[in-house]
PDB file of N, CA and C in Angstrom:
ATOM      1  N   GLU A   1      -7.964  11.217  16.538  1.00  0.00           N
ATOM      2  CA  GLU A   1      -8.588  10.115  15.839  1.00  0.00           C
ATOM      3  C   GLU A   1      -7.610   9.578  14.802  1.00  0.00           C
ATOM      4  N   VAL A   2      -7.548   8.264  14.675  1.00  0.00           N
ATOM      5  CA  VAL A   2      -6.668   7.630  13.714  1.00  0.00           C
ATOM      6  C   VAL A   2      -7.137   7.964  12.304  1.00  0.00           C
ATOM      7  N   GLN A   3      -6.198   8.365  11.453  1.00  0.00           N
ATOM      8  CA  GLN A   3      -6.542   8.732  10.092  1.00  0.00           C
ATOM      9  C   GLN A   3      -5.414   8.363   9.138  1.00  0.00           C
ATOM     10  N   LEU A   4      -5.781   7.772   7.997  1.00  0.00           N
ATOM     11  CA  LEU A   4      -4.861   7.483   6.914  1.00  0.00           C
ATOM     12  C   LEU A   4      -5.432   8.097   5.649  1.00  0.00           C
ATOM     13  N   VAL A   5      -4.614   8.842   4.917  1.00  0.00           N
ATOM     14  CA  VAL A   5      -5.058   9.509   3.701  1.00  0.00           C
ATOM     15  C   VAL A   5      -4.198   9.052   2.545  1.00  0.00           C
ATOM     16  N   ASP A   6      -4.823   8.373   1.577  1.00  0.00           N
ATOM     17  CA  ASP A   6      -4.129   7.872   0.394  1.00  0.00           C
ATOM     18  C   ASP A   6      -4.104   8.932  -0.704  1.00  0.00           C
ATOM     19  N   ALA A   7      -3.057   8.892  -1.522  1.00  0.00           N
ATOM     20  CA  ALA A   7      -2.953   9.800  -2.654  1.00  0.00           C
ATOM     21  C   ALA A   7      -1.984   9.226  -3.677  1.00  0.00           C
ATOM     22  N   GLY A   8      -1.994   9.780  -4.874  1.00  0.00           N
ATOM     23  CA  GLY A   8      -1.009   9.439  -5.883  1.00  0.00           C
ATOM     24  C   GLY A   8      -1.491   8.553  -7.008  1.00  0.00           C
ATOM     25  N   GLY A   9      -2.726   8.088  -6.960  1.00  0.00           N
ATOM     26  CA  GLY A   9      -3.255   7.267  -8.029  1.00  0.00           C
ATOM     27  C   GLY A   9      -3.478   8.060  -9.299  1.00  0.00           C
ATOM     28  N   GLY A  10      -3.785   7.356 -10.365  1.00  0.00           N
ATOM     29  CA  GLY A  10      -4.027   7.991 -11.640  1.00  0.00           C
ATOM     30  C   GLY A  10      -4.095   6.973 -12.744  1.00  0.00           C
ATOM     31  N   SER A  11      -4.063   7.461 -13.978  1.00  0.00           N
ATOM     32  CA  SER A  11      -4.099   6.608 -15.165  1.00  0.00           C
ATOM     33  C   SER A  11      -2.746   6.593 -15.835  1.00  0.00           C
ATOM     34  N   VAL A  12      -2.307   5.410 -16.231  1.00  0.00           N
ATOM     35  CA  VAL A  12      -0.999   5.256 -16.853  1.00  0.00           C
ATOM     36  C   VAL A  12      -1.065   4.125 -17.870  1.00  0.00           C
ATOM     37  N   GLN A  13      -0.240   4.194 -18.889  1.00  0.00           N
ATOM     38  CA  GLN A  13      -0.155   3.114 -19.862  1.00  0.00           C
ATOM     39  C   GLN A  13       0.657   1.953 -19.300  1.00  0.00           C
ATOM     40  N   ALA A  14       0.386   0.772 -19.819  1.00  0.00           N
ATOM     41  CA  ALA A  14       1.148  -0.401 -19.409  1.00  0.00           C
ATOM     42  C   ALA A  14       2.642  -0.139 -19.547  1.00  0.00           C
ATOM     43  N   GLY A  15       3.396  -0.553 -18.537  1.00  0.00           N
ATOM     44  CA  GLY A  15       4.826  -0.308 -18.503  1.00  0.00           C
ATOM     45  C   GLY A  15       5.218   0.953 -17.768  1.00  0.00           C
ATOM     46  N   GLY A  16       4.246   1.787 -17.438  1.00  0.00           N
ATOM     47  CA  GLY A  16       4.518   3.025 -16.737  1.00  0.00           C
ATOM     48  C   GLY A  16       4.647   2.840 -15.242  1.00  0.00           C
ATOM     49  N   SER A  17       4.814   3.961 -14.541  1.00  0.00           N
ATOM     50  CA  SER A  17       5.049   3.944 -13.103  1.00  0.00           C
ATOM     51  C   SER A  17       4.162   4.946 -12.383  1.00  0.00           C
ATOM     52  N   LEU A  18       3.863   4.636 -11.141  1.00  0.00           N
ATOM     53  CA  LEU A  18       3.165   5.540 -10.237  1.00  0.00           C
ATOM     54  C   LEU A  18       3.734   5.361  -8.841  1.00  0.00           C
ATOM     55  N   LYS A  19       3.667   6.414  -8.043  1.00  0.00           N
ATOM     56  CA  LYS A  19       4.070   6.345  -6.642  1.00  0.00           C
ATOM     57  C   LYS A  19       2.914   6.804  -5.775  1.00  0.00           C
ATOM     58  N   LEU A  20       2.418   5.905  -4.939  1.00  0.00           N
ATOM     59  CA  LEU A  20       1.338   6.210  -4.025  1.00  0.00           C
ATOM     60  C   LEU A  20       1.901   6.629  -2.677  1.00  0.00           C
ATOM     61  N   SER A  21       1.167   7.464  -1.962  1.00  0.00           N
ATOM     62  CA  SER A  21       1.558   7.864  -0.623  1.00  0.00           C
ATOM     63  C   SER A  21       0.381   7.719   0.323  1.00  0.00           C
ATOM     64  N   CYS A  22       0.692   7.572   1.595  1.00  0.00           N
ATOM     65  CA  CYS A  22      -0.322   7.441   2.638  1.00  0.00           C
ATOM     66  C   CYS A  22       0.165   8.205   3.853  1.00  0.00           C
ATOM     67  N   ALA A  23      -0.513   9.295   4.172  1.00  0.00           N
ATOM     68  CA  ALA A  23      -0.159  10.119   5.315  1.00  0.00           C
ATOM     69  C   ALA A  23      -0.962   9.685   6.534  1.00  0.00           C
ATOM     70  N   ALA A  24      -0.262   9.429   7.633  1.00  0.00           N
ATOM     71  CA  ALA A  24      -0.886   8.902   8.842  1.00  0.00           C
ATOM     72  C   ALA A  24      -0.892   9.939   9.960  1.00  0.00           C
ATOM     73  N   SER A  25      -1.916   9.871  10.796  1.00  0.00           N
ATOM     74  CA  SER A  25      -1.996  10.727  11.964  1.00  0.00           C
ATOM     75  C   SER A  25      -2.866  10.063  13.023  1.00  0.00           C
ATOM     76  N   GLY A  26      -2.704  10.484  14.272  1.00  0.00           N
ATOM     77  CA  GLY A  26      -3.558  10.009  15.353  1.00  0.00           C
ATOM     78  C   GLY A  26      -3.111   8.732  16.033  1.00  0.00           C
ATOM     79  N   PHE A  27      -1.950   8.208  15.682  1.00  0.00           N
ATOM     80  CA  PHE A  27      -1.418   7.023  16.337  1.00  0.00           C
ATOM     81  C   PHE A  27       0.096   7.016  16.219  1.00  0.00           C
ATOM     82  N   ARG A  28       0.727   6.117  16.974  1.00  0.00           N
ATOM     83  CA  ARG A  28       2.188   6.037  16.960  1.00  0.00           C
ATOM     84  C   ARG A  28       2.647   5.282  15.716  1.00  0.00           C
ATOM     85  N   PHE A  29       2.857   6.028  14.658  1.00  0.00           N
ATOM     86  CA  PHE A  29       3.146   5.472  13.345  1.00  0.00           C
ATOM     87  C   PHE A  29       4.356   4.546  13.354  1.00  0.00           C
ATOM     88  N   ASP A  30       5.415   4.925  14.055  1.00  0.00           N
ATOM     89  CA  ASP A  30       6.662   4.172  13.977  1.00  0.00           C
ATOM     90  C   ASP A  30       6.609   2.817  14.663  1.00  0.00           C
ATOM     91  N   SER A  31       5.567   2.516  15.421  1.00  0.00           N
ATOM     92  CA  SER A  31       5.440   1.230  16.095  1.00  0.00           C
ATOM     93  C   SER A  31       4.482   0.279  15.386  1.00  0.00           C
ATOM     94  N   TYR A  32       3.901   0.700  14.281  1.00  0.00           N
ATOM     95  CA  TYR A  32       2.907  -0.094  13.567  1.00  0.00           C
ATOM     96  C   TYR A  32       3.452  -0.673  12.269  1.00  0.00           C
ATOM     97  N   CYS A  33       2.926  -1.838  11.933  1.00  0.00           N
ATOM     98  CA  CYS A  33       3.093  -2.355  10.585  1.00  0.00           C
ATOM     99  C   CYS A  33       2.235  -1.534   9.635  1.00  0.00           C
ATOM    100  N   MET A  34       2.736  -1.330   8.427  1.00  0.00           N
ATOM    101  CA  MET A  34       1.974  -0.654   7.389  1.00  0.00           C
ATOM    102  C   MET A  34       1.854  -1.579   6.187  1.00  0.00           C
ATOM    103  N   ALA A  35       0.768  -1.447   5.458  1.00  0.00           N
ATOM    104  CA  ALA A  35       0.536  -2.323   4.320  1.00  0.00           C
ATOM    105  C   ALA A  35      -0.287  -1.612   3.264  1.00  0.00           C
ATOM    106  N   TRP A  36      -0.223  -2.153   2.055  1.00  0.00           N
ATOM    107  CA  TRP A  36      -1.068  -1.718   0.951  1.00  0.00           C
ATOM    108  C   TRP A  36      -1.920  -2.891   0.482  1.00  0.00           C
ATOM    109  N   PHE A  37      -3.190  -2.618   0.283  1.00  0.00           N
ATOM    110  CA  PHE A  37      -4.143  -3.565  -0.279  1.00  0.00           C
ATOM    111  C   PHE A  37      -4.685  -2.994  -1.576  1.00  0.00           C
ATOM    112  N   ARG A  38      -5.314  -3.853  -2.375  1.00  0.00           N
ATOM    113  CA  ARG A  38      -6.009  -3.373  -3.560  1.00  0.00           C
ATOM    114  C   ARG A  38      -7.279  -4.183  -3.757  1.00  0.00           C
ATOM    115  N   GLN A  39      -8.240  -3.568  -4.447  1.00  0.00           N
ATOM    116  CA  GLN A  39      -9.518  -4.221  -4.663  1.00  0.00           C
ATOM    117  C   GLN A  39     -10.077  -3.864  -6.029  1.00  0.00           C
ATOM    118  N   ILE A  40     -10.479  -4.893  -6.765  1.00  0.00           N
ATOM    119  CA  ILE A  40     -11.188  -4.746  -8.030  1.00  0.00           C
ATOM    120  C   ILE A  40     -12.675  -4.906  -7.736  1.00  0.00           C
ATOM    121  N   PRO A  41     -13.534  -4.075  -8.340  1.00  0.00           N
ATOM    122  CA  PRO A  41     -14.966  -4.204  -8.068  1.00  0.00           C
ATOM    123  C   PRO A  41     -15.465  -5.633  -8.264  1.00  0.00           C
ATOM    124  N   GLY A  42     -16.214  -6.129  -7.285  1.00  0.00           N
ATOM    125  CA  GLY A  42     -16.750  -7.473  -7.348  1.00  0.00           C
ATOM    126  C   GLY A  42     -15.824  -8.553  -6.840  1.00  0.00           C
ATOM    127  N   LYS A  43     -14.603  -8.184  -6.459  1.00  0.00           N
ATOM    128  CA  LYS A  43     -13.646  -9.150  -5.960  1.00  0.00           C
ATOM    129  C   LYS A  43     -13.209  -8.788  -4.543  1.00  0.00           C
ATOM    130  N   GLU A  44     -12.613  -9.763  -3.856  1.00  0.00           N
ATOM    131  CA  GLU A  44     -12.142  -9.545  -2.498  1.00  0.00           C
ATOM    132  C   GLU A  44     -10.913  -8.643  -2.492  1.00  0.00           C
ATOM    133  N   ARG A  45     -10.803  -7.843  -1.450  1.00  0.00           N
ATOM    134  CA  ARG A  45      -9.620  -7.021  -1.265  1.00  0.00           C
ATOM    135  C   ARG A  45      -8.419  -7.920  -0.983  1.00  0.00           C
ATOM    136  N   GLU A  46      -7.283  -7.651  -1.632  1.00  0.00           N
ATOM    137  CA  GLU A  46      -6.100  -8.470  -1.448  1.00  0.00           C
ATOM    138  C   GLU A  46      -4.919  -7.632  -0.975  1.00  0.00           C
ATOM    139  N   LYS A  47      -4.099  -8.226  -0.137  1.00  0.00           N
ATOM    140  CA  LYS A  47      -2.894  -7.592   0.373  1.00  0.00           C
ATOM    141  C   LYS A  47      -1.799  -7.666  -0.680  1.00  0.00           C
ATOM    142  N   VAL A  48      -1.116  -6.559  -0.938  1.00  0.00           N
ATOM    143  CA  VAL A  48      -0.073  -6.559  -1.953  1.00  0.00           C
ATOM    144  C   VAL A  48       1.318  -6.313  -1.385  1.00  0.00           C
ATOM    145  N   ALA A  49       1.434  -5.614  -0.256  1.00  0.00           N
ATOM    146  CA  ALA A  49       2.743  -5.312   0.303  1.00  0.00           C
ATOM    147  C   ALA A  49       2.617  -4.956   1.769  1.00  0.00           C
ATOM    148  N   SER A  50       3.641  -5.255   2.552  1.00  0.00           N
ATOM    149  CA  SER A  50       3.682  -4.864   3.958  1.00  0.00           C
ATOM    150  C   SER A  50       5.097  -4.473   4.338  1.00  0.00           C
ATOM    151  N   LEU A  51       5.200  -3.688   5.411  1.00  0.00           N
ATOM    152  CA  LEU A  51       6.492  -3.167   5.857  1.00  0.00           C
ATOM    153  C   LEU A  51       6.455  -2.964   7.359  1.00  0.00           C
ATOM    154  N   ASP A  52       7.474  -3.471   8.067  1.00  0.00           N
ATOM    155  CA  ASP A  52       7.537  -3.259   9.501  1.00  0.00           C
ATOM    156  C   ASP A  52       8.464  -2.100   9.831  1.00  0.00           C
ATOM    157  N   SER A  53       8.597  -1.805  11.120  1.00  0.00           N
ATOM    158  CA  SER A  53       9.380  -0.655  11.550  1.00  0.00           C
ATOM    159  C   SER A  53      10.878  -0.837  11.349  1.00  0.00           C
ATOM    160  N   ASP A  54      11.322  -2.068  11.111  1.00  0.00           N
ATOM    161  CA  ASP A  54      12.733  -2.354  10.888  1.00  0.00           C
ATOM    162  C   ASP A  54      13.087  -2.479   9.409  1.00  0.00           C
ATOM    163  N   GLY A  55      12.130  -2.254   8.533  1.00  0.00           N
ATOM    164  CA  GLY A  55      12.394  -2.280   7.110  1.00  0.00           C
ATOM    165  C   GLY A  55      12.188  -3.618   6.430  1.00  0.00           C
ATOM    166  N   VAL A  56      11.575  -4.588   7.109  1.00  0.00           N
ATOM    167  CA  VAL A  56      11.306  -5.882   6.512  1.00  0.00           C
ATOM    168  C   VAL A  56      10.085  -5.772   5.605  1.00  0.00           C
ATOM    169  N   ARG A  57      10.253  -6.145   4.335  1.00  0.00           N
ATOM    170  CA  ARG A  57       9.204  -6.004   3.328  1.00  0.00           C
ATOM    171  C   ARG A  57       8.707  -7.362   2.855  1.00  0.00           C
ATOM    172  N   SER A  58       7.418  -7.433   2.572  1.00  0.00           N
ATOM    173  CA  SER A  58       6.815  -8.623   1.999  1.00  0.00           C
ATOM    174  C   SER A  58       5.864  -8.200   0.897  1.00  0.00           C
ATOM    175  N   TYR A  59       5.720  -9.066  -0.137  1.00  0.00           N
ATOM    176  CA  TYR A  59       4.893  -8.744  -1.290  1.00  0.00           C
ATOM    177  C   TYR A  59       4.133  -9.966  -1.764  1.00  0.00           C
ATOM    178  N   ILE A  60       2.982  -9.720  -2.362  1.00  0.00           N
ATOM    179  CA  ILE A  60       2.295 -10.774  -3.073  1.00  0.00           C
ATOM    180  C   ILE A  60       3.110 -11.109  -4.323  1.00  0.00           C
ATOM    181  N   ASP A  61       3.078 -12.370  -4.741  1.00  0.00           N
ATOM    182  CA  ASP A  61       3.952 -12.826  -5.818  1.00  0.00           C
ATOM    183  C   ASP A  61       3.807 -12.006  -7.100  1.00  0.00           C
ATOM    184  N   SER A  62       2.611 -11.597  -7.428  1.00  0.00           N
ATOM    185  CA  SER A  62       2.372 -10.936  -8.703  1.00  0.00           C
ATOM    186  C   SER A  62       3.026  -9.561  -8.825  1.00  0.00           C
ATOM    187  N   VAL A  63       3.458  -8.962  -7.706  1.00  0.00           N
ATOM    188  CA  VAL A  63       4.071  -7.637  -7.768  1.00  0.00           C
ATOM    189  C   VAL A  63       5.551  -7.653  -7.415  1.00  0.00           C
ATOM    190  N   LYS A  64       6.092  -8.791  -7.037  1.00  0.00           N
ATOM    191  CA  LYS A  64       7.504  -8.872  -6.668  1.00  0.00           C
ATOM    192  C   LYS A  64       8.391  -8.440  -7.831  1.00  0.00           C
ATOM    193  N   GLY A  65       9.368  -7.600  -7.518  1.00  0.00           N
ATOM    194  CA  GLY A  65      10.262  -7.088  -8.531  1.00  0.00           C
ATOM    195  C   GLY A  65       9.750  -5.857  -9.245  1.00  0.00           C
ATOM    196  N   ARG A  66       8.480  -5.513  -9.036  1.00  0.00           N
ATOM    197  CA  ARG A  66       7.889  -4.347  -9.692  1.00  0.00           C
ATOM    198  C   ARG A  66       7.467  -3.269  -8.700  1.00  0.00           C
ATOM    199  N   PHE A  67       7.003  -3.671  -7.518  1.00  0.00           N
ATOM    200  CA  PHE A  67       6.526  -2.736  -6.505  1.00  0.00           C
ATOM    201  C   PHE A  67       7.510  -2.672  -5.346  1.00  0.00           C
ATOM    202  N   THR A  68       7.623  -1.502  -4.735  1.00  0.00           N
ATOM    203  CA  THR A  68       8.445  -1.324  -3.546  1.00  0.00           C
ATOM    204  C   THR A  68       7.671  -0.514  -2.515  1.00  0.00           C
ATOM    205  N   ILE A  69       7.550  -1.052  -1.299  1.00  0.00           N
ATOM    206  CA  ILE A  69       6.924  -0.331  -0.204  1.00  0.00           C
ATOM    207  C   ILE A  69       8.013   0.292   0.657  1.00  0.00           C
ATOM    208  N   ALA A  70       7.794   1.519   1.106  1.00  0.00           N
ATOM    209  CA  ALA A  70       8.762   2.222   1.936  1.00  0.00           C
ATOM    210  C   ALA A  70       8.024   3.105   2.932  1.00  0.00           C
ATOM    211  N   ARG A  71       8.706   3.468   4.009  1.00  0.00           N
ATOM    212  CA  ARG A  71       8.106   4.347   4.997  1.00  0.00           C
ATOM    213  C   ARG A  71       9.100   5.406   5.432  1.00  0.00           C
ATOM    214  N   ASP A  72       8.574   6.564   5.773  1.00  0.00           N
ATOM    215  CA  ASP A  72       9.351   7.657   6.316  1.00  0.00           C
ATOM    216  C   ASP A  72       8.726   7.994   7.659  1.00  0.00           C
ATOM    217  N   ASN A  73       9.318   7.479   8.732  1.00  0.00           N
ATOM    218  CA  ASN A  73       8.731   7.669  10.058  1.00  0.00           C
ATOM    219  C   ASN A  73       8.725   9.134  10.491  1.00  0.00           C
ATOM    220  N   ALA A  74       9.714   9.898  10.042  1.00  0.00           N
ATOM    221  CA  ALA A  74       9.767  11.308  10.392  1.00  0.00           C
ATOM    222  C   ALA A  74       8.591  12.073   9.804  1.00  0.00           C
ATOM    223  N   LYS A  75       8.079  11.599   8.662  1.00  0.00           N
ATOM    224  CA  LYS A  75       6.952  12.248   7.998  1.00  0.00           C
ATOM    225  C   LYS A  75       5.637  11.508   8.207  1.00  0.00           C
ATOM    226  N   ASN A  76       5.665  10.414   8.975  1.00  0.00           N
ATOM    227  CA  ASN A  76       4.468   9.597   9.199  1.00  0.00           C
ATOM    228  C   ASN A  76       3.793   9.224   7.881  1.00  0.00           C
ATOM    229  N   THR A  77       4.600   8.770   6.933  1.00  0.00           N
ATOM    230  CA  THR A  77       4.103   8.492   5.595  1.00  0.00           C
ATOM    231  C   THR A  77       4.647   7.162   5.091  1.00  0.00           C
ATOM    232  N   VAL A  78       3.795   6.403   4.424  1.00  0.00           N
ATOM    233  CA  VAL A  78       4.196   5.172   3.761  1.00  0.00           C
ATOM    234  C   VAL A  78       3.951   5.343   2.263  1.00  0.00           C
ATOM    235  N   TYR A  79       4.806   4.726   1.444  1.00  0.00           N
ATOM    236  CA  TYR A  79       4.747   4.870  -0.005  1.00  0.00           C
ATOM    237  C   TYR A  79       4.647   3.509  -0.672  1.00  0.00           C
ATOM    238  N   LEU A  80       4.135   3.506  -1.876  1.00  0.00           N
ATOM    239  CA  LEU A  80       4.180   2.327  -2.730  1.00  0.00           C
ATOM    240  C   LEU A  80       4.635   2.770  -4.111  1.00  0.00           C
ATOM    241  N   GLU A  81       5.875   2.437  -4.445  1.00  0.00           N
ATOM    242  CA  GLU A  81       6.419   2.720  -5.769  1.00  0.00           C
ATOM    243  C   GLU A  81       6.062   1.558  -6.685  1.00  0.00           C
ATOM    244  N   MET A  82       5.374   1.847  -7.771  1.00  0.00           N
ATOM    245  CA  MET A  82       4.901   0.824  -8.684  1.00  0.00           C
ATOM    246  C   MET A  82       5.533   1.060 -10.047  1.00  0.00           C
ATOM    247  N   ASN A  83       6.268   0.072 -10.526  1.00  0.00           N
ATOM    248  CA  ASN A  83       6.942   0.147 -11.813  1.00  0.00           C
ATOM    249  C   ASN A  83       6.457  -0.972 -12.724  1.00  0.00           C
ATOM    250  N   ASN A  84       6.662  -0.771 -14.033  1.00  0.00           N
ATOM    251  CA  ASN A  84       6.257  -1.758 -15.029  1.00  0.00           C
ATOM    252  C   ASN A  84       4.818  -2.218 -14.793  1.00  0.00           C
ATOM    253  N   LEU A  85       3.940  -1.257 -14.676  1.00  0.00           N
ATOM    254  CA  LEU A  85       2.541  -1.558 -14.363  1.00  0.00           C
ATOM    255  C   LEU A  85       1.864  -2.328 -15.487  1.00  0.00           C
ATOM    256  N   ARG A  86       0.964  -3.202 -15.098  1.00  0.00           N
ATOM    257  CA  ARG A  86       0.203  -4.034 -16.012  1.00  0.00           C
ATOM    258  C   ARG A  86      -1.280  -3.727 -15.889  1.00  0.00           C
ATOM    259  N   PRO A  87      -2.066  -3.984 -16.944  1.00  0.00           N
ATOM    260  CA  PRO A  87      -3.511  -3.744 -16.845  1.00  0.00           C
ATOM    261  C   PRO A  87      -4.149  -4.468 -15.664  1.00  0.00           C
ATOM    262  N   GLU A  88      -3.661  -5.639 -15.310  1.00  0.00           N
ATOM    263  CA  GLU A  88      -4.220  -6.379 -14.188  1.00  0.00           C
ATOM    264  C   GLU A  88      -3.911  -5.747 -12.834  1.00  0.00           C
ATOM    265  N   ASP A  89      -3.055  -4.722 -12.806  1.00  0.00           N
ATOM    266  CA  ASP A  89      -2.819  -3.965 -11.579  1.00  0.00           C
ATOM    267  C   ASP A  89      -3.908  -2.926 -11.330  1.00  0.00           C
ATOM    268  N   THR A  90      -4.783  -2.726 -12.298  1.00  0.00           N
ATOM    269  CA  THR A  90      -5.867  -1.759 -12.155  1.00  0.00           C
ATOM    270  C   THR A  90      -6.748  -2.129 -10.967  1.00  0.00           C
ATOM    271  N   ALA A  91      -6.897  -1.202 -10.025  1.00  0.00           N
ATOM    272  CA  ALA A  91      -7.661  -1.458  -8.807  1.00  0.00           C
ATOM    273  C   ALA A  91      -7.707  -0.192  -7.973  1.00  0.00           C
ATOM    274  N   MET A  92      -8.545  -0.214  -6.953  1.00  0.00           N
ATOM    275  CA  MET A  92      -8.492   0.790  -5.916  1.00  0.00           C
ATOM    276  C   MET A  92      -7.471   0.327  -4.888  1.00  0.00           C
ATOM    277  N   TYR A  93      -6.513   1.176  -4.581  1.00  0.00           N
ATOM    278  CA  TYR A  93      -5.457   0.843  -3.637  1.00  0.00           C
ATOM    279  C   TYR A  93      -5.705   1.531  -2.305  1.00  0.00           C
ATOM    280  N   TYR A  94      -5.541   0.790  -1.215  1.00  0.00           N
ATOM    281  CA  TYR A  94      -5.781   1.276   0.135  1.00  0.00           C
ATOM    282  C   TYR A  94      -4.561   1.024   1.014  1.00  0.00           C
ATOM    283  N   CYS A  95      -4.153   2.015   1.784  1.00  0.00           N
ATOM    284  CA  CYS A  95      -3.151   1.749   2.797  1.00  0.00           C
ATOM    285  C   CYS A  95      -3.830   1.329   4.088  1.00  0.00           C
ATOM    286  N   ALA A  96      -3.091   0.625   4.928  1.00  0.00           N
ATOM    287  CA  ALA A  96      -3.632   0.106   6.177  1.00  0.00           C
ATOM    288  C   ALA A  96      -2.547   0.086   7.236  1.00  0.00           C
ATOM    289  N   ALA A  97      -2.959   0.172   8.492  1.00  0.00           N
ATOM    290  CA  ALA A  97      -2.052   0.112   9.627  1.00  0.00           C
ATOM    291  C   ALA A  97      -2.554  -0.909  10.630  1.00  0.00           C
ATOM    292  N   GLY A  98      -1.629  -1.632  11.267  1.00  0.00           N
ATOM    293  CA  GLY A  98      -2.003  -2.604  12.274  1.00  0.00           C
ATOM    294  C   GLY A  98      -0.801  -3.127  13.015  1.00  0.00           C
ATOM    295  N   ARG A  99      -1.072  -3.822  14.091  1.00  0.00           N
ATOM    296  CA  ARG A  99      -0.009  -4.462  14.862  1.00  0.00           C
ATOM    297  C   ARG A  99       0.381  -5.778  14.213  1.00  0.00           C
ATOM    298  N   ARG A 100       1.650  -6.099  14.281  1.00  0.00           N
ATOM    299  CA  ARG A 100       2.125  -7.346  13.701  1.00  0.00           C
ATOM    300  C   ARG A 100       1.607  -8.557  14.477  1.00  0.00           C
ATOM    301  N   ILE A 101       1.350  -9.630  13.772  1.00  0.00           N
ATOM    302  CA  ILE A 101       1.030 -10.914  14.362  1.00  0.00           C
ATOM    303  C   ILE A 101       2.047 -11.894  13.800  1.00  0.00           C
ATOM    304  N   LEU A 102       3.124 -12.101  14.529  1.00  0.00           N
ATOM    305  CA  LEU A 102       4.267 -12.900  14.118  1.00  0.00           C
ATOM    306  C   LEU A 102       5.093 -12.146  13.071  1.00  0.00           C
ATOM    307  N   SER A 103       4.448 -11.635  12.046  1.00  0.00           N
ATOM    308  CA  SER A 103       5.088 -10.809  11.038  1.00  0.00           C
ATOM    309  C   SER A 103       4.103  -9.754  10.575  1.00  0.00           C
ATOM    310  N   CYS A 104       4.599  -8.721   9.918  1.00  0.00           N
ATOM    311  CA  CYS A 104       3.708  -7.679   9.432  1.00  0.00           C
ATOM    312  C   CYS A 104       2.836  -8.160   8.281  1.00  0.00           C
ATOM    313  N   TRP A 105       3.268  -9.179   7.552  1.00  0.00           N
ATOM    314  CA  TRP A 105       2.434  -9.747   6.505  1.00  0.00           C
ATOM    315  C   TRP A 105       1.144 -10.314   7.077  1.00  0.00           C
ATOM    316  N   SER A 106       1.172 -10.721   8.351  1.00  0.00           N
ATOM    317  CA  SER A 106       0.009 -11.305   9.013  1.00  0.00           C
ATOM    318  C   SER A 106      -0.832 -10.270   9.757  1.00  0.00           C
ATOM    319  N   LEU A 107      -0.547  -8.999   9.566  1.00  0.00           N
ATOM    320  CA  LEU A 107      -1.248  -7.966  10.326  1.00  0.00           C
ATOM    321  C   LEU A 107      -2.755  -7.988  10.076  1.00  0.00           C
ATOM    322  N   GLU A 108      -3.480  -7.591  11.100  1.00  0.00           N
ATOM    323  CA  GLU A 108      -4.912  -7.353  10.987  1.00  0.00           C
ATOM    324  C   GLU A 108      -5.113  -5.848  11.023  1.00  0.00           C
ATOM    325  N   PRO A 109      -5.509  -5.250   9.895  1.00  0.00           N
ATOM    326  CA  PRO A 109      -5.604  -3.792   9.851  1.00  0.00           C
ATOM    327  C   PRO A 109      -6.556  -3.221  10.896  1.00  0.00           C
ATOM    328  N   LYS A 110      -6.113  -2.167  11.555  1.00  0.00           N
ATOM    329  CA  LYS A 110      -6.937  -1.435  12.504  1.00  0.00           C
ATOM    330  C   LYS A 110      -7.382  -0.088  11.951  1.00  0.00           C
ATOM    331  N   ALA A 111      -6.747   0.356  10.881  1.00  0.00           N
ATOM    332  CA  ALA A 111      -7.105   1.611  10.236  1.00  0.00           C
ATOM    333  C   ALA A 111      -6.898   1.475   8.736  1.00  0.00           C
ATOM    334  N   TRP A 112      -7.754   2.147   7.973  1.00  0.00           N
ATOM    335  CA  TRP A 112      -7.710   2.105   6.510  1.00  0.00           C
ATOM    336  C   TRP A 112      -7.707   3.506   5.919  1.00  0.00           C
ATOM    337  N   GLY A 113      -6.985   3.658   4.818  1.00  0.00           N
ATOM    338  CA  GLY A 113      -7.120   4.862   4.027  1.00  0.00           C
ATOM    339  C   GLY A 113      -8.400   4.823   3.215  1.00  0.00           C
ATOM    340  N   GLN A 114      -8.732   5.933   2.588  1.00  0.00           N
ATOM    341  CA  GLN A 114      -9.959   6.029   1.812  1.00  0.00           C
ATOM    342  C   GLN A 114      -9.841   5.420   0.425  1.00  0.00           C
ATOM    343  N   GLY A 115      -8.635   5.184  -0.028  1.00  0.00           N
ATOM    344  CA  GLY A 115      -8.409   4.561  -1.315  1.00  0.00           C
ATOM    345  C   GLY A 115      -8.010   5.556  -2.392  1.00  0.00           C
ATOM    346  N   THR A 116      -7.158   5.103  -3.311  1.00  0.00           N
ATOM    347  CA  THR A 116      -6.764   5.897  -4.463  1.00  0.00           C
ATOM    348  C   THR A 116      -6.767   4.984  -5.690  1.00  0.00           C
ATOM    349  N   GLN A 117      -7.389   5.437  -6.765  1.00  0.00           N
ATOM    350  CA  GLN A 117      -7.605   4.604  -7.939  1.00  0.00           C
ATOM    351  C   GLN A 117      -6.376   4.572  -8.839  1.00  0.00           C
ATOM    352  N   VAL A 118      -5.985   3.367  -9.235  1.00  0.00           N
ATOM    353  CA  VAL A 118      -4.916   3.160 -10.206  1.00  0.00           C
ATOM    354  C   VAL A 118      -5.512   2.465 -11.419  1.00  0.00           C
ATOM    355  N   THR A 119      -5.348   3.067 -12.588  1.00  0.00           N
ATOM    356  CA  THR A 119      -5.867   2.507 -13.824  1.00  0.00           C
ATOM    357  C   THR A 119      -4.729   2.368 -14.824  1.00  0.00           C
ATOM    358  N   VAL A 120      -4.524   1.161 -15.327  1.00  0.00           N
ATOM    359  CA  VAL A 120      -3.443   0.873 -16.262  1.00  0.00           C
ATOM    360  C   VAL A 120      -4.058   0.415 -17.577  1.00  0.00           C
ATOM    361  N   SER A 121      -3.781   1.134 -18.642  1.00  0.00           N
ATOM    362  CA  SER A 121      -4.327   0.812 -19.949  1.00  0.00           C
ATOM    363  C   SER A 121      -3.314   0.036 -20.772  1.00  0.00           C
ATOM    364  N   SER A 122      -3.807  -0.814 -21.645  1.00  0.00           N
ATOM    365  CA  SER A 122      -2.946  -1.621 -22.490  1.00  0.00           C
ATOM    366  C   SER A 122      -2.571  -0.893 -23.768  1.00  0.00           C
TER     367      SER A 122
END
């Protein structure tokens, strides 16, 4: 069964850093696009980063220069390194997997992680 497990969230002061991880199993990880989404209660879930099997990365404008998505195919794991965190980054973060549609930024997720909470205080 396809499974994604998120981890690494926590509480940090503004300007701090966190590294999230997502362990995948049950599918051919190296052939899928991977992405990170986030959601604030009462708001729509938004895509923040994506990564294809060749290392092509895309980001939402608000995190460019601060967040880095990476994958380790040997470990079936995707990461999100978050630096210079801001209070507005506070959200539940979810990893996702899907097939690319023209690009991995356009992916339609077929699997979701359970989510890991990131809280940034001012």
